[in-house]
Amino acid sequence: MSLFFADNSDLLAVTVVYRDGARQRRFLVVGVYQIVLVEPDATRLGWGVARFVGCLQDLEVRYSLGLVYIFSAFCTL
C-alpha cells in the first residue's frame, strides 16, 4: 500500500461507460492526492491491475443526468 493511501482513501465500485456504449465494472480508489482506476483480476480474488492513475489537481469533474464525468489533463499509465 502506498503512502498516498495509508488511511485516508475511499473505494468505490463504478461502471465505466465508453464512447461506443461498452460498459465495464471497475474500482475507483480515491486518496488524498490521487485517484486510481483498478481493473479486478479475473483469476485472483482481491488482486487487480491499475489502469489509470491521476493526481486530483489535474482532474476536472462534471455532472450530467446522473452520470459523473472525470476528465484528466495527464494520464500516467
PDB file of N, CA and C in Angstrom:
ATOM      1  N   MET A   1       0.847  -1.171   0.000  1.00  0.00           N
ATOM      2  CA  MET A   1       0.000   0.000   0.000  1.00  0.00           C
ATOM      3  C   MET A   1       0.888   1.227   0.000  1.00  0.00           C
ATOM      4  N   SER A   2       0.543   2.173  -0.814  1.00  0.00           N
ATOM      5  CA  SER A   2       1.318   3.390  -0.980  1.00  0.00           C
ATOM      6  C   SER A   2       1.102   4.344   0.184  1.00  0.00           C
ATOM      7  N   LEU A   3       2.031   5.236   0.373  1.00  0.00           N
ATOM      8  CA  LEU A   3       1.909   6.270   1.384  1.00  0.00           C
ATOM      9  C   LEU A   3       0.699   7.150   1.114  1.00  0.00           C
ATOM     10  N   PHE A   4       0.339   7.334  -0.159  1.00  0.00           N
ATOM     11  CA  PHE A   4      -0.779   8.188  -0.526  1.00  0.00           C
ATOM     12  C   PHE A   4      -2.116   7.610  -0.062  1.00  0.00           C
ATOM     13  N   PHE A   5      -2.207   6.308   0.171  1.00  0.00           N
ATOM     14  CA  PHE A   5      -3.458   5.672   0.533  1.00  0.00           C
ATOM     15  C   PHE A   5      -3.388   5.022   1.906  1.00  0.00           C
ATOM     16  N   ALA A   6      -2.586   5.561   2.803  1.00  0.00           N
ATOM     17  CA  ALA A   6      -2.371   4.934   4.099  1.00  0.00           C
ATOM     18  C   ALA A   6      -3.677   4.723   4.871  1.00  0.00           C
ATOM     19  N   ASP A   7      -4.376   5.783   5.234  1.00  0.00           N
ATOM     20  CA  ASP A   7      -5.612   5.636   5.997  1.00  0.00           C
ATOM     21  C   ASP A   7      -6.758   6.466   5.437  1.00  0.00           C
ATOM     22  N   ASN A   8      -6.465   7.363   4.550  1.00  0.00           N
ATOM     23  CA  ASN A   8      -7.470   8.312   4.090  1.00  0.00           C
ATOM     24  C   ASN A   8      -7.864   8.042   2.646  1.00  0.00           C
ATOM     25  N   SER A   9      -8.397   6.872   2.363  1.00  0.00           N
ATOM     26  CA  SER A   9      -8.803   6.560   0.995  1.00  0.00           C
ATOM     27  C   SER A   9     -10.205   5.961   0.998  1.00  0.00           C
ATOM     28  N   ASP A  10     -10.883   6.131  -0.133  1.00  0.00           N
ATOM     29  CA  ASP A  10     -12.213   5.569  -0.321  1.00  0.00           C
ATOM     30  C   ASP A  10     -12.164   4.622  -1.511  1.00  0.00           C
ATOM     31  N   LEU A  11     -12.928   3.550  -1.446  1.00  0.00           N
ATOM     32  CA  LEU A  11     -13.016   2.582  -2.523  1.00  0.00           C
ATOM     33  C   LEU A  11     -14.441   2.600  -3.062  1.00  0.00           C
ATOM     34  N   LEU A  12     -14.587   2.891  -4.342  1.00  0.00           N
ATOM     35  CA  LEU A  12     -15.902   2.972  -4.973  1.00  0.00           C
ATOM     36  C   LEU A  12     -16.001   1.928  -6.075  1.00  0.00           C
ATOM     37  N   ALA A  13     -17.117   1.236  -6.152  1.00  0.00           N
ATOM     38  CA  ALA A  13     -17.398   0.346  -7.279  1.00  0.00           C
ATOM     39  C   ALA A  13     -18.086   1.200  -8.342  1.00  0.00           C
ATOM     40  N   VAL A  14     -17.508   1.268  -9.539  1.00  0.00           N
ATOM     41  CA  VAL A  14     -18.034   2.134 -10.593  1.00  0.00           C
ATOM     42  C   VAL A  14     -18.231   1.340 -11.879  1.00  0.00           C
ATOM     43  N   THR A  15     -19.054   1.878 -12.754  1.00  0.00           N
ATOM     44  CA  THR A  15     -19.213   1.348 -14.105  1.00  0.00           C
ATOM     45  C   THR A  15     -18.646   2.366 -15.066  1.00  0.00           C
ATOM     46  N   VAL A  16     -17.669   1.957 -15.857  1.00  0.00           N
ATOM     47  CA  VAL A  16     -17.062   2.836 -16.848  1.00  0.00           C
ATOM     48  C   VAL A  16     -17.819   2.647 -18.150  1.00  0.00           C
ATOM     49  N   VAL A  17     -18.333   3.754 -18.704  1.00  0.00           N
ATOM     50  CA  VAL A  17     -19.075   3.716 -19.963  1.00  0.00           C
ATOM     51  C   VAL A  17     -18.201   4.368 -21.023  1.00  0.00           C
ATOM     52  N   TYR A  18     -17.877   3.598 -22.058  1.00  0.00           N
ATOM     53  CA  TYR A  18     -17.036   4.104 -23.136  1.00  0.00           C
ATOM     54  C   TYR A  18     -17.881   4.780 -24.202  1.00  0.00           C
ATOM     55  N   ARG A  19     -17.244   5.508 -25.091  1.00  0.00           N
ATOM     56  CA  ARG A  19     -17.959   6.244 -26.135  1.00  0.00           C
ATOM     57  C   ARG A  19     -18.766   5.340 -27.048  1.00  0.00           C
ATOM     58  N   ASP A  20     -18.316   4.110 -27.238  1.00  0.00           N
ATOM     59  CA  ASP A  20     -19.052   3.179 -28.108  1.00  0.00           C
ATOM     60  C   ASP A  20     -20.204   2.487 -27.382  1.00  0.00           C
ATOM     61  N   GLY A  21     -20.419   2.827 -26.093  1.00  0.00           N
ATOM     62  CA  GLY A  21     -21.518   2.254 -25.329  1.00  0.00           C
ATOM     63  C   GLY A  21     -21.135   1.054 -24.483  1.00  0.00           C
ATOM     64  N   ALA A  22     -19.911   0.557 -24.631  1.00  0.00           N
ATOM     65  CA  ALA A  22     -19.457  -0.588 -23.840  1.00  0.00           C
ATOM     66  C   ALA A  22     -19.342  -0.181 -22.368  1.00  0.00           C
ATOM     67  N   ARG A  23     -19.670  -1.115 -21.486  1.00  0.00           N
ATOM     68  CA  ARG A  23     -19.628  -0.866 -20.044  1.00  0.00           C
ATOM     69  C   ARG A  23     -18.734  -1.904 -19.373  1.00  0.00           C
ATOM     70  N   GLN A  24     -17.940  -1.445 -18.402  1.00  0.00           N
ATOM     71  CA  GLN A  24     -17.076  -2.347 -17.640  1.00  0.00           C
ATOM     72  C   GLN A  24     -17.097  -1.933 -16.178  1.00  0.00           C
ATOM     73  N   ARG A  25     -17.125  -2.930 -15.287  1.00  0.00           N
ATOM     74  CA  ARG A  25     -17.086  -2.673 -13.848  1.00  0.00           C
ATOM     75  C   ARG A  25     -15.641  -2.502 -13.407  1.00  0.00           C
ATOM     76  N   ARG A  26     -15.398  -1.481 -12.614  1.00  0.00           N
ATOM     77  CA  ARG A  26     -14.071  -1.177 -12.100  1.00  0.00           C
ATOM     78  C   ARG A  26     -14.185  -0.712 -10.652  1.00  0.00           C
ATOM     79  N   PHE A  27     -13.055  -0.535 -10.013  1.00  0.00           N
ATOM     80  CA  PHE A  27     -12.985   0.060  -8.688  1.00  0.00           C
ATOM     81  C   PHE A  27     -12.202   1.357  -8.800  1.00  0.00           C
ATOM     82  N   LEU A  28     -12.687   2.380  -8.114  1.00  0.00           N
ATOM     83  CA  LEU A  28     -12.029   3.680  -8.102  1.00  0.00           C
ATOM     84  C   LEU A  28     -11.568   3.953  -6.680  1.00  0.00           C
ATOM     85  N   VAL A  29     -10.261   4.055  -6.489  1.00  0.00           N
ATOM     86  CA  VAL A  29      -9.676   4.350  -5.191  1.00  0.00           C
ATOM     87  C   VAL A  29      -9.366   5.838  -5.174  1.00  0.00           C
ATOM     88  N   VAL A  30      -9.966   6.548  -4.232  1.00  0.00           N
ATOM     89  CA  VAL A  30      -9.758   7.986  -4.113  1.00  0.00           C
ATOM     90  C   VAL A  30      -8.956   8.238  -2.850  1.00  0.00           C
ATOM     91  N   GLY A  31      -7.754   8.753  -3.030  1.00  0.00           N
ATOM     92  CA  GLY A  31      -6.886   9.041  -1.901  1.00  0.00           C
ATOM     93  C   GLY A  31      -6.790  10.533  -1.645  1.00  0.00           C
ATOM     94  N   VAL A  32      -5.822  10.908  -0.862  1.00  0.00           N
ATOM     95  CA  VAL A  32      -5.632  12.301  -0.501  1.00  0.00           C
ATOM     96  C   VAL A  32      -5.121  13.105  -1.690  1.00  0.00           C
ATOM     97  N   TYR A  33      -4.227  12.525  -2.505  1.00  0.00           N
ATOM     98  CA  TYR A  33      -3.585  13.252  -3.588  1.00  0.00           C
ATOM     99  C   TYR A  33      -3.920  12.727  -4.982  1.00  0.00           C
ATOM    100  N   GLN A  34      -4.415  11.501  -5.096  1.00  0.00           N
ATOM    101  CA  GLN A  34      -4.612  10.920  -6.419  1.00  0.00           C
ATOM    102  C   GLN A  34      -5.766   9.926  -6.432  1.00  0.00           C
ATOM    103  N   ILE A  35      -6.184   9.559  -7.650  1.00  0.00           N
ATOM    104  CA  ILE A  35      -7.174   8.502  -7.825  1.00  0.00           C
ATOM    105  C   ILE A  35      -6.534   7.390  -8.637  1.00  0.00           C
ATOM    106  N   VAL A  36      -7.016   6.173  -8.431  1.00  0.00           N
ATOM    107  CA  VAL A  36      -6.536   5.008  -9.169  1.00  0.00           C
ATOM    108  C   VAL A  36      -7.760   4.232  -9.638  1.00  0.00           C
ATOM    109  N   LEU A  37      -7.828   3.977 -10.939  1.00  0.00           N
ATOM    110  CA  LEU A  37      -8.883   3.138 -11.508  1.00  0.00           C
ATOM    111  C   LEU A  37      -8.325   1.728 -11.629  1.00  0.00           C
ATOM    112  N   VAL A  38      -8.953   0.777 -10.950  1.00  0.00           N
ATOM    113  CA  VAL A  38      -8.421  -0.584 -10.850  1.00  0.00           C
ATOM    114  C   VAL A  38      -9.347  -1.560 -11.565  1.00  0.00           C
ATOM    115  N   GLU A  39      -8.759  -2.396 -12.412  1.00  0.00           N
ATOM    116  CA  GLU A  39      -9.483  -3.486 -13.064  1.00  0.00           C
ATOM    117  C   GLU A  39      -9.262  -4.747 -12.229  1.00  0.00           C
ATOM    118  N   PRO A  40     -10.331  -5.347 -11.695  1.00  0.00           N
ATOM    119  CA  PRO A  40     -10.150  -6.546 -10.875  1.00  0.00           C
ATOM    120  C   PRO A  40      -9.602  -7.713 -11.697  1.00  0.00           C
ATOM    121  N   ASP A  41      -8.744  -8.503 -11.073  1.00  0.00           N
ATOM    122  CA  ASP A  41      -8.194  -9.689 -11.726  1.00  0.00           C
ATOM    123  C   ASP A  41      -9.256 -10.780 -11.735  1.00  0.00           C
ATOM    124  N   ALA A  42      -9.459 -11.387 -12.889  1.00  0.00           N
ATOM    125  CA  ALA A  42     -10.499 -12.410 -13.039  1.00  0.00           C
ATOM    126  C   ALA A  42     -10.113 -13.737 -12.379  1.00  0.00           C
ATOM    127  N   THR A  43      -8.820 -13.964 -12.156  1.00  0.00           N
ATOM    128  CA  THR A  43      -8.381 -15.259 -11.629  1.00  0.00           C
ATOM    129  C   THR A  43      -7.955 -15.217 -10.164  1.00  0.00           C
ATOM    130  N   ARG A  44      -7.539 -14.056  -9.666  1.00  0.00           N
ATOM    131  CA  ARG A  44      -7.045 -13.966  -8.290  1.00  0.00           C
ATOM    132  C   ARG A  44      -7.918 -13.001  -7.493  1.00  0.00           C
ATOM    133  N   LEU A  45      -8.640 -13.527  -6.547  1.00  0.00           N
ATOM    134  CA  LEU A  45      -9.541 -12.731  -5.718  1.00  0.00           C
ATOM    135  C   LEU A  45      -8.742 -11.729  -4.885  1.00  0.00           C
ATOM    136  N   GLY A  46      -9.169 -10.478  -4.908  1.00  0.00           N
ATOM    137  CA  GLY A  46      -8.506  -9.440  -4.129  1.00  0.00           C
ATOM    138  C   GLY A  46      -7.372  -8.746  -4.849  1.00  0.00           C
ATOM    139  N   TRP A  47      -7.069  -9.159  -6.079  1.00  0.00           N
ATOM    140  CA  TRP A  47      -5.993  -8.559  -6.854  1.00  0.00           C
ATOM    141  C   TRP A  47      -6.581  -7.773  -8.009  1.00  0.00           C
ATOM    142  N   GLY A  48      -5.805  -6.832  -8.534  1.00  0.00           N
ATOM    143  CA  GLY A  48      -6.256  -6.051  -9.670  1.00  0.00           C
ATOM    144  C   GLY A  48      -5.094  -5.364 -10.362  1.00  0.00           C
ATOM    145  N   VAL A  49      -5.412  -4.721 -11.472  1.00  0.00           N
ATOM    146  CA  VAL A  49      -4.417  -4.012 -12.274  1.00  0.00           C
ATOM    147  C   VAL A  49      -4.823  -2.548 -12.327  1.00  0.00           C
ATOM    148  N   ALA A  50      -3.899  -1.648 -11.996  1.00  0.00           N
ATOM    149  CA  ALA A  50      -4.174  -0.212 -12.079  1.00  0.00           C
ATOM    150  C   ALA A  50      -4.186   0.180 -13.551  1.00  0.00           C
ATOM    151  N   ARG A  51      -5.330   0.650 -14.037  1.00  0.00           N
ATOM    152  CA  ARG A  51      -5.473   1.038 -15.440  1.00  0.00           C
ATOM    153  C   ARG A  51      -5.320   2.532 -15.647  1.00  0.00           C
ATOM    154  N   PHE A  52      -5.515   3.311 -14.594  1.00  0.00           N
ATOM    155  CA  PHE A  52      -5.354   4.755 -14.687  1.00  0.00           C
ATOM    156  C   PHE A  52      -4.977   5.294 -13.318  1.00  0.00           C
ATOM    157  N   VAL A  53      -4.016   6.200 -13.311  1.00  0.00           N
ATOM    158  CA  VAL A  53      -3.630   6.903 -12.090  1.00  0.00           C
ATOM    159  C   VAL A  53      -3.583   8.380 -12.422  1.00  0.00           C
ATOM    160  N   GLY A  54      -4.256   9.198 -11.624  1.00  0.00           N
ATOM    161  CA  GLY A  54      -4.258  10.633 -11.882  1.00  0.00           C
ATOM    162  C   GLY A  54      -4.221  11.421 -10.597  1.00  0.00           C
ATOM    163  N   CYS A  55      -3.523  12.551 -10.635  1.00  0.00           N
ATOM    164  CA  CYS A  55      -3.496  13.464  -9.497  1.00  0.00           C
ATOM    165  C   CYS A  55      -4.814  14.219  -9.429  1.00  0.00           C
ATOM    166  N   LEU A  56      -5.319  14.419  -8.236  1.00  0.00           N
ATOM    167  CA  LEU A  56      -6.586  15.123  -8.065  1.00  0.00           C
ATOM    168  C   LEU A  56      -6.524  16.545  -8.607  1.00  0.00           C
ATOM    169  N   GLN A  57      -5.368  17.179  -8.518  1.00  0.00           N
ATOM    170  CA  GLN A  57      -5.242  18.548  -9.004  1.00  0.00           C
ATOM    171  C   GLN A  57      -5.328  18.646 -10.520  1.00  0.00           C
ATOM    172  N   ASP A  58      -5.159  17.525 -11.232  1.00  0.00           N
ATOM    173  CA  ASP A  58      -5.210  17.514 -12.695  1.00  0.00           C
ATOM    174  C   ASP A  58      -6.557  17.048 -13.235  1.00  0.00           C
ATOM    175  N   LEU A  59      -7.545  16.844 -12.362  1.00  0.00           N
ATOM    176  CA  LEU A  59      -8.835  16.308 -12.785  1.00  0.00           C
ATOM    177  C   LEU A  59      -9.900  17.386 -12.867  1.00  0.00           C
ATOM    178  N   GLU A  60     -10.812  17.185 -13.805  1.00  0.00           N
ATOM    179  CA  GLU A  60     -11.989  18.028 -13.918  1.00  0.00           C
ATOM    180  C   GLU A  60     -13.197  17.109 -13.823  1.00  0.00           C
ATOM    181  N   VAL A  61     -14.156  17.461 -12.971  1.00  0.00           N
ATOM    182  CA  VAL A  61     -15.329  16.623 -12.742  1.00  0.00           C
ATOM    183  C   VAL A  61     -16.566  17.382 -13.192  1.00  0.00           C
ATOM    184  N   ARG A  62     -17.421  16.699 -13.979  1.00  0.00           N
ATOM    185  CA  ARG A  62     -18.688  17.272 -14.426  1.00  0.00           C
ATOM    186  C   ARG A  62     -19.810  16.285 -14.125  1.00  0.00           C
ATOM    187  N   TYR A  63     -20.991  16.817 -13.838  1.00  0.00           N
ATOM    188  CA  TYR A  63     -22.169  16.006 -13.562  1.00  0.00           C
ATOM    189  C   TYR A  63     -23.216  16.291 -14.625  1.00  0.00           C
ATOM    190  N   SER A  64     -23.872  15.228 -15.111  1.00  0.00           N
ATOM    191  CA  SER A  64     -24.938  15.413 -16.091  1.00  0.00           C
ATOM    192  C   SER A  64     -25.832  14.179 -16.107  1.00  0.00           C
ATOM    193  N   LEU A  65     -27.117  14.378 -15.898  1.00  0.00           N
ATOM    194  CA  LEU A  65     -28.121  13.317 -15.995  1.00  0.00           C
ATOM    195  C   LEU A  65     -27.777  12.088 -15.157  1.00  0.00           C
ATOM    196  N   GLY A  66     -27.301  12.284 -13.955  1.00  0.00           N
ATOM    197  CA  GLY A  66     -26.991  11.179 -13.058  1.00  0.00           C
ATOM    198  C   GLY A  66     -25.654  10.510 -13.307  1.00  0.00           C
ATOM    199  N   LEU A  67     -24.877  11.025 -14.259  1.00  0.00           N
ATOM    200  CA  LEU A  67     -23.555  10.474 -14.548  1.00  0.00           C
ATOM    201  C   LEU A  67     -22.484  11.447 -14.090  1.00  0.00           C
ATOM    202  N   VAL A  68     -21.335  10.907 -13.714  1.00  0.00           N
ATOM    203  CA  VAL A  68     -20.191  11.728 -13.333  1.00  0.00           C
ATOM    204  C   VAL A  68     -19.114  11.524 -14.395  1.00  0.00           C
ATOM    205  N   TYR A  69     -18.674  12.613 -14.970  1.00  0.00           N
ATOM    206  CA  TYR A  69     -17.612  12.574 -15.974  1.00  0.00           C
ATOM    207  C   TYR A  69     -16.340  13.083 -15.329  1.00  0.00           C
ATOM    208  N   ILE A  70     -15.255  12.302 -15.467  1.00  0.00           N
ATOM    209  CA  ILE A  70     -13.962  12.702 -14.918  1.00  0.00           C
ATOM    210  C   ILE A  70     -12.998  12.843 -16.080  1.00  0.00           C
ATOM    211  N   PHE A  71     -12.467  14.048 -16.235  1.00  0.00           N
ATOM    212  CA  PHE A  71     -11.512  14.328 -17.306  1.00  0.00           C
ATOM    213  C   PHE A  71     -10.155  14.591 -16.661  1.00  0.00           C
ATOM    214  N   SER A  72      -9.114  14.094 -17.322  1.00  0.00           N
ATOM    215  CA  SER A  72      -7.765  14.265 -16.790  1.00  0.00           C
ATOM    216  C   SER A  72      -6.896  14.977 -17.819  1.00  0.00           C
ATOM    217  N   ALA A  73      -6.092  15.920 -17.340  1.00  0.00           N
ATOM    218  CA  ALA A  73      -5.161  16.618 -18.220  1.00  0.00           C
ATOM    219  C   ALA A  73      -3.979  15.728 -18.569  1.00  0.00           C
ATOM    220  N   PHE A  74      -3.637  14.796 -17.680  1.00  0.00           N
ATOM    221  CA  PHE A  74      -2.493  13.920 -17.874  1.00  0.00           C
ATOM    222  C   PHE A  74      -2.880  12.486 -17.555  1.00  0.00           C
ATOM    223  N   CYS A  75      -2.315  11.548 -18.275  1.00  0.00           N
ATOM    224  CA  CYS A  75      -2.523  10.125 -18.000  1.00  0.00           C
ATOM    225  C   CYS A  75      -1.165   9.511 -17.714  1.00  0.00           C
ATOM    226  N   THR A  76      -0.981   8.959 -16.513  1.00  0.00           N
ATOM    227  CA  THR A  76       0.326   8.458 -16.117  1.00  0.00           C
ATOM    228  C   THR A  76       0.515   6.974 -16.362  1.00  0.00           C
ATOM    229  N   LEU A  77      -0.558   6.249 -16.671  1.00  0.00           N
ATOM    230  CA  LEU A  77      -0.413   4.823 -17.002  1.00  0.00           C
ATOM    231  C   LEU A  77      -1.019   4.539 -18.340  1.00  0.00           C
TER     232      LEU A  77
END
